[in-house]
């Protein structure tokens, strides 16, 4: 089966919405349900890394990487779907959050240190 290339977030949003609409699944896609599905997919991703060392997690086998790739796709699809249902522009939200994090974690103060924001004396 040929796969159409999706190269931007809006095209992905449209394709996921069309997929759900064609199956009459909008009725099940309340934000609450989508959030629950999203966290379930995140848990499935974590399972692939459970019990691996840091080194092992960075050098997955071809088969394991293929499985992780599909879990990441599931996560992205649910994330795009919930943002669509809530009319949230993910790219704008991500840009805003990065700007917030730049203020919370000034590079010159936190470089090489991975504490939580409230633990720094900034």
N, C-alpha and C. Protein backbone atom coordinates (compact mmCIF):
# COMPACT_ATOMS: atom_id res chain seq x y z
N UNK A 1 0.85 -1.17 0.00
CA UNK A 1 0.00 0.00 0.00
C UNK A 1 0.89 1.24 0.00
N UNK A 2 0.63 2.16 -0.90
CA UNK A 2 1.41 3.39 -0.98
C UNK A 2 0.97 4.35 0.12
N UNK A 3 1.93 5.04 0.68
CA UNK A 3 1.65 6.01 1.74
C UNK A 3 1.89 7.41 1.21
N UNK A 4 0.88 8.27 1.34
CA UNK A 4 1.04 9.66 0.92
C UNK A 4 1.95 10.37 1.92
N UNK A 5 2.90 11.11 1.40
CA UNK A 5 3.82 11.84 2.27
C UNK A 5 3.10 13.03 2.90
N UNK A 6 3.23 13.13 4.20
CA UNK A 6 2.68 14.27 4.93
C UNK A 6 3.87 15.07 5.41
N UNK A 7 3.97 16.33 4.94
CA UNK A 7 5.18 17.08 5.29
C UNK A 7 4.91 18.35 6.08
N UNK A 8 3.69 18.50 6.61
CA UNK A 8 3.46 19.61 7.53
C UNK A 8 2.34 19.24 8.49
N UNK A 9 2.28 19.96 9.59
CA UNK A 9 1.36 19.65 10.66
C UNK A 9 -0.10 19.82 10.23
N UNK A 10 -0.38 20.82 9.42
CA UNK A 10 -1.76 21.04 8.96
C UNK A 10 -2.23 19.89 8.08
N UNK A 11 -1.37 19.40 7.22
CA UNK A 11 -1.73 18.26 6.37
C UNK A 11 -1.99 17.02 7.24
N UNK A 12 -1.19 16.84 8.27
CA UNK A 12 -1.40 15.72 9.18
C UNK A 12 -2.74 15.89 9.91
N UNK A 13 -3.01 17.09 10.40
CA UNK A 13 -4.28 17.35 11.10
C UNK A 13 -5.46 17.01 10.21
N UNK A 14 -5.40 17.43 8.95
CA UNK A 14 -6.49 17.18 8.02
C UNK A 14 -6.65 15.68 7.75
N UNK A 15 -5.53 15.00 7.59
CA UNK A 15 -5.61 13.56 7.29
C UNK A 15 -6.16 12.78 8.48
N UNK A 16 -5.74 13.13 9.69
CA UNK A 16 -6.23 12.45 10.88
C UNK A 16 -7.72 12.74 11.07
N UNK A 17 -8.14 13.98 10.85
CA UNK A 17 -9.56 14.35 10.96
C UNK A 17 -10.39 13.58 9.94
N UNK A 18 -9.90 13.48 8.72
CA UNK A 18 -10.61 12.74 7.67
C UNK A 18 -10.70 11.26 8.01
N UNK A 19 -9.62 10.70 8.54
CA UNK A 19 -9.60 9.29 8.95
C UNK A 19 -10.68 9.04 9.99
N UNK A 20 -10.75 9.90 11.01
CA UNK A 20 -11.75 9.75 12.07
C UNK A 20 -13.17 9.94 11.53
N UNK A 21 -13.35 10.95 10.69
CA UNK A 21 -14.68 11.23 10.14
C UNK A 21 -15.18 10.07 9.28
N UNK A 22 -14.31 9.48 8.48
CA UNK A 22 -14.70 8.38 7.61
C UNK A 22 -15.16 7.17 8.40
N UNK A 23 -14.75 7.06 9.63
CA UNK A 23 -15.09 5.93 10.49
C UNK A 23 -16.15 6.29 11.54
N UNK A 24 -16.66 7.52 11.47
CA UNK A 24 -17.63 8.03 12.44
C UNK A 24 -17.08 7.92 13.86
N UNK A 25 -15.83 8.30 14.03
CA UNK A 25 -15.19 8.22 15.35
C UNK A 25 -15.18 9.56 16.08
N UNK A 26 -15.63 10.63 15.43
CA UNK A 26 -15.67 11.91 16.13
C UNK A 26 -16.45 11.80 17.44
N UNK A 27 -17.47 10.97 17.44
CA UNK A 27 -18.29 10.80 18.63
C UNK A 27 -17.48 10.28 19.82
N UNK A 28 -16.37 9.64 19.56
CA UNK A 28 -15.53 9.09 20.63
C UNK A 28 -14.35 10.00 20.99
N UNK A 29 -14.14 11.02 20.17
CA UNK A 29 -12.93 11.83 20.29
C UNK A 29 -13.12 13.09 21.13
N UNK A 30 -13.72 12.92 22.29
CA UNK A 30 -13.77 14.02 23.26
C UNK A 30 -12.34 14.25 23.76
N UNK A 31 -11.99 15.48 24.11
CA UNK A 31 -10.63 15.72 24.61
C UNK A 31 -10.22 14.78 25.74
N UNK A 32 -11.12 14.49 26.65
CA UNK A 32 -10.82 13.57 27.75
C UNK A 32 -10.40 12.20 27.22
N UNK A 33 -11.15 11.67 26.28
CA UNK A 33 -10.84 10.36 25.73
C UNK A 33 -9.52 10.37 24.96
N UNK A 34 -9.31 11.44 24.22
CA UNK A 34 -8.05 11.55 23.47
C UNK A 34 -6.86 11.68 24.40
N UNK A 35 -7.02 12.42 25.50
CA UNK A 35 -5.93 12.54 26.48
C UNK A 35 -5.62 11.18 27.09
N UNK A 36 -6.65 10.40 27.37
CA UNK A 36 -6.43 9.07 27.93
C UNK A 36 -5.72 8.16 26.92
N UNK A 37 -6.13 8.24 25.66
CA UNK A 37 -5.49 7.45 24.61
C UNK A 37 -4.03 7.88 24.44
N UNK A 38 -3.79 9.19 24.53
CA UNK A 38 -2.43 9.72 24.39
C UNK A 38 -1.53 9.15 25.48
N UNK A 39 -1.98 9.18 26.72
CA UNK A 39 -1.14 8.69 27.81
C UNK A 39 -0.92 7.18 27.69
N UNK A 40 -1.90 6.46 27.19
CA UNK A 40 -1.73 5.02 26.98
C UNK A 40 -0.64 4.75 25.93
N UNK A 41 -0.64 5.56 24.87
CA UNK A 41 0.40 5.40 23.84
C UNK A 41 1.77 5.77 24.40
N UNK A 42 1.83 6.80 25.25
CA UNK A 42 3.10 7.16 25.90
C UNK A 42 3.62 6.01 26.75
N UNK A 43 2.72 5.34 27.44
CA UNK A 43 3.11 4.18 28.25
C UNK A 43 3.65 3.06 27.36
N UNK A 44 3.04 2.86 26.21
CA UNK A 44 3.53 1.84 25.28
C UNK A 44 4.94 2.19 24.79
N UNK A 45 5.21 3.48 24.58
CA UNK A 45 6.55 3.91 24.21
C UNK A 45 7.55 3.59 25.32
N UNK A 46 7.17 3.93 26.54
CA UNK A 46 8.06 3.71 27.68
C UNK A 46 8.40 2.23 27.83
N UNK A 47 7.45 1.36 27.55
CA UNK A 47 7.70 -0.09 27.68
C UNK A 47 8.89 -0.54 26.84
N UNK A 48 9.10 0.10 25.71
CA UNK A 48 10.22 -0.30 24.84
C UNK A 48 11.58 0.03 25.48
N UNK A 49 11.60 0.97 26.41
CA UNK A 49 12.84 1.39 27.05
C UNK A 49 13.01 0.84 28.46
N UNK A 50 11.94 0.27 28.99
CA UNK A 50 11.99 -0.26 30.35
C UNK A 50 13.09 -1.31 30.44
N UNK A 51 13.88 -1.18 31.46
CA UNK A 51 14.97 -2.09 31.81
C UNK A 51 16.20 -1.96 30.91
N UNK A 52 16.21 -1.02 29.97
CA UNK A 52 17.41 -0.81 29.17
C UNK A 52 18.34 0.16 29.89
N UNK A 53 19.62 0.00 29.66
CA UNK A 53 20.58 0.98 30.16
C UNK A 53 20.49 2.23 29.28
N UNK A 54 21.12 3.32 29.72
CA UNK A 54 21.14 4.52 28.88
C UNK A 54 21.77 4.20 27.53
N UNK A 55 22.85 3.45 27.55
CA UNK A 55 23.55 3.10 26.31
C UNK A 55 22.65 2.25 25.40
N UNK A 56 21.99 1.27 25.96
CA UNK A 56 21.09 0.42 25.16
C UNK A 56 19.94 1.24 24.58
N UNK A 57 19.43 2.19 25.35
CA UNK A 57 18.31 2.99 24.87
C UNK A 57 18.71 3.90 23.71
N UNK A 58 19.99 4.21 23.61
CA UNK A 58 20.48 5.08 22.53
C UNK A 58 20.90 4.29 21.30
N UNK A 59 20.97 2.98 21.41
CA UNK A 59 21.40 2.15 20.27
C UNK A 59 20.45 0.96 20.11
N UNK A 60 19.23 1.26 19.73
CA UNK A 60 18.19 0.24 19.58
C UNK A 60 18.46 -0.64 18.37
N UNK A 61 18.00 -1.87 18.45
CA UNK A 61 18.06 -2.74 17.29
C UNK A 61 17.13 -2.19 16.21
N UNK A 62 17.30 -2.63 15.00
CA UNK A 62 16.45 -2.18 13.90
C UNK A 62 14.98 -2.48 14.19
N UNK A 63 14.70 -3.66 14.73
CA UNK A 63 13.33 -4.05 15.02
C UNK A 63 12.74 -3.18 16.14
N UNK A 64 13.52 -2.94 17.20
CA UNK A 64 13.05 -2.14 18.32
C UNK A 64 12.83 -0.69 17.87
N UNK A 65 13.74 -0.18 17.05
CA UNK A 65 13.59 1.20 16.56
C UNK A 65 12.35 1.34 15.70
N UNK A 66 12.04 0.32 14.90
CA UNK A 66 10.83 0.35 14.07
C UNK A 66 9.58 0.38 14.95
N UNK A 67 9.59 -0.37 16.03
CA UNK A 67 8.45 -0.38 16.96
C UNK A 67 8.33 0.96 17.67
N UNK A 68 9.44 1.53 18.09
CA UNK A 68 9.45 2.84 18.75
C UNK A 68 8.94 3.91 17.77
N UNK A 69 9.35 3.82 16.55
CA UNK A 69 8.91 4.76 15.51
C UNK A 69 7.39 4.79 15.41
N UNK A 70 6.76 3.61 15.41
CA UNK A 70 5.31 3.55 15.31
C UNK A 70 4.62 4.06 16.58
N UNK A 71 5.22 3.82 17.74
CA UNK A 71 4.65 4.37 18.98
C UNK A 71 4.72 5.89 18.96
N UNK A 72 5.84 6.44 18.50
CA UNK A 72 5.97 7.89 18.38
C UNK A 72 4.92 8.45 17.42
N UNK A 73 4.66 7.72 16.34
CA UNK A 73 3.63 8.14 15.39
C UNK A 73 2.26 8.16 16.06
N UNK A 74 1.95 7.12 16.83
CA UNK A 74 0.67 7.09 17.55
C UNK A 74 0.54 8.30 18.48
N UNK A 75 1.61 8.61 19.19
CA UNK A 75 1.60 9.75 20.11
C UNK A 75 1.36 11.05 19.35
N UNK A 76 2.06 11.22 18.25
CA UNK A 76 1.89 12.43 17.45
C UNK A 76 0.46 12.54 16.92
N UNK A 77 -0.09 11.44 16.46
CA UNK A 77 -1.45 11.45 15.92
C UNK A 77 -2.45 11.85 16.99
N UNK A 78 -2.35 11.27 18.17
CA UNK A 78 -3.27 11.64 19.25
C UNK A 78 -3.05 13.08 19.69
N UNK A 79 -1.82 13.53 19.72
CA UNK A 79 -1.52 14.91 20.10
C UNK A 79 -2.14 15.88 19.09
N UNK A 80 -1.98 15.58 17.83
CA UNK A 80 -2.57 16.43 16.78
C UNK A 80 -4.10 16.39 16.87
N UNK A 81 -4.65 15.24 17.14
CA UNK A 81 -6.12 15.11 17.21
C UNK A 81 -6.70 15.90 18.38
N UNK A 82 -6.08 15.78 19.55
CA UNK A 82 -6.61 16.51 20.71
C UNK A 82 -6.44 18.01 20.52
N UNK A 83 -5.34 18.43 19.92
CA UNK A 83 -5.16 19.87 19.67
C UNK A 83 -6.19 20.36 18.67
N UNK A 84 -6.53 19.55 17.69
CA UNK A 84 -7.55 19.91 16.71
C UNK A 84 -8.91 20.06 17.40
N UNK A 85 -9.27 19.11 18.23
CA UNK A 85 -10.56 19.15 18.92
C UNK A 85 -10.66 20.36 19.85
N UNK A 86 -9.53 20.83 20.39
CA UNK A 86 -9.52 21.98 21.28
C UNK A 86 -9.16 23.28 20.57
N UNK A 87 -8.96 23.18 19.24
CA UNK A 87 -8.60 24.35 18.42
C UNK A 87 -7.34 25.04 18.96
N UNK A 88 -6.32 24.24 19.20
CA UNK A 88 -5.03 24.74 19.67
C UNK A 88 -4.01 24.59 18.55
N UNK A 89 -3.33 25.67 18.24
CA UNK A 89 -2.27 25.67 17.24
C UNK A 89 -1.01 25.15 17.93
N UNK A 90 -0.66 23.90 17.65
CA UNK A 90 0.48 23.27 18.32
C UNK A 90 1.79 23.99 18.06
N UNK A 91 2.01 24.43 16.83
CA UNK A 91 3.28 25.10 16.53
C UNK A 91 3.38 26.43 17.27
N UNK A 92 2.28 27.18 17.34
CA UNK A 92 2.28 28.44 18.08
C UNK A 92 2.48 28.18 19.57
N UNK A 93 1.81 27.15 20.09
CA UNK A 93 1.96 26.81 21.50
C UNK A 93 3.38 26.37 21.82
N UNK A 94 3.99 25.59 20.92
CA UNK A 94 5.37 25.15 21.13
C UNK A 94 6.33 26.33 21.12
N UNK A 95 6.12 27.25 20.19
CA UNK A 95 6.97 28.45 20.14
C UNK A 95 6.85 29.27 21.41
N UNK A 96 5.62 29.41 21.90
CA UNK A 96 5.40 30.15 23.15
C UNK A 96 6.07 29.45 24.33
N UNK A 97 5.94 28.13 24.38
CA UNK A 97 6.53 27.37 25.49
C UNK A 97 8.05 27.43 25.47
N UNK A 98 8.64 27.38 24.29
CA UNK A 98 10.10 27.49 24.19
C UNK A 98 10.55 28.86 24.70
N UNK A 99 9.81 29.92 24.35
CA UNK A 99 10.15 31.26 24.83
C UNK A 99 10.05 31.33 26.36
N UNK A 100 9.02 30.72 26.92
CA UNK A 100 8.87 30.67 28.38
C UNK A 100 10.06 29.93 29.00
N UNK A 101 10.42 28.80 28.42
CA UNK A 101 11.54 28.00 28.95
C UNK A 101 12.87 28.73 28.82
N UNK A 102 13.02 29.53 27.76
CA UNK A 102 14.25 30.31 27.62
C UNK A 102 14.40 31.30 28.77
N UNK A 103 13.28 31.85 29.23
CA UNK A 103 13.32 32.76 30.38
C UNK A 103 13.52 32.00 31.69
N UNK A 104 12.87 30.87 31.82
CA UNK A 104 12.96 30.08 33.05
C UNK A 104 14.33 29.42 33.21
N UNK A 105 14.95 29.11 32.10
CA UNK A 105 16.23 28.40 32.10
C UNK A 105 17.25 29.15 31.25
N UNK A 106 17.76 30.29 31.71
CA UNK A 106 18.75 31.02 30.91
C UNK A 106 20.01 30.15 30.70
N UNK A 107 20.42 30.01 29.46
CA UNK A 107 21.53 29.11 29.13
C UNK A 107 22.78 29.41 29.93
N UNK A 108 23.07 30.67 30.13
CA UNK A 108 24.30 31.03 30.85
C UNK A 108 24.24 30.63 32.33
N UNK A 109 23.06 30.38 32.85
CA UNK A 109 22.91 30.01 34.27
C UNK A 109 22.73 28.51 34.49
N UNK A 110 22.21 27.81 33.50
CA UNK A 110 21.81 26.41 33.73
C UNK A 110 22.58 25.40 32.88
N UNK A 111 23.47 25.86 32.05
CA UNK A 111 24.20 24.97 31.14
C UNK A 111 24.79 23.79 31.90
N UNK A 112 24.48 22.58 31.46
CA UNK A 112 25.04 21.36 32.04
C UNK A 112 24.40 20.95 33.36
N UNK A 113 23.30 21.58 33.76
CA UNK A 113 22.65 21.31 35.03
C UNK A 113 21.16 21.06 34.76
N UNK A 114 20.65 19.93 35.17
CA UNK A 114 19.29 19.52 34.79
C UNK A 114 18.29 19.58 35.94
N UNK A 115 18.41 20.56 36.80
CA UNK A 115 17.42 20.68 37.88
C UNK A 115 16.12 21.28 37.35
N UNK A 116 15.08 21.22 38.18
CA UNK A 116 13.80 21.85 37.85
C UNK A 116 13.95 23.37 38.00
N UNK A 117 13.08 24.11 37.32
CA UNK A 117 13.19 25.57 37.28
C UNK A 117 13.22 26.18 38.68
N UNK A 118 12.38 25.71 39.58
CA UNK A 118 12.30 26.28 40.92
C UNK A 118 13.53 26.02 41.78
N UNK A 119 14.42 25.16 41.35
CA UNK A 119 15.61 24.82 42.11
C UNK A 119 16.80 25.71 41.80
N UNK A 120 16.67 26.56 40.78
CA UNK A 120 17.75 27.47 40.40
C UNK A 120 17.58 28.80 41.11
N UNK A 121 18.69 29.43 41.44
CA UNK A 121 18.66 30.79 41.95
C UNK A 121 18.97 31.71 40.77
N UNK A 122 17.92 32.15 40.14
CA UNK A 122 18.08 32.96 38.91
C UNK A 122 17.61 34.38 39.18
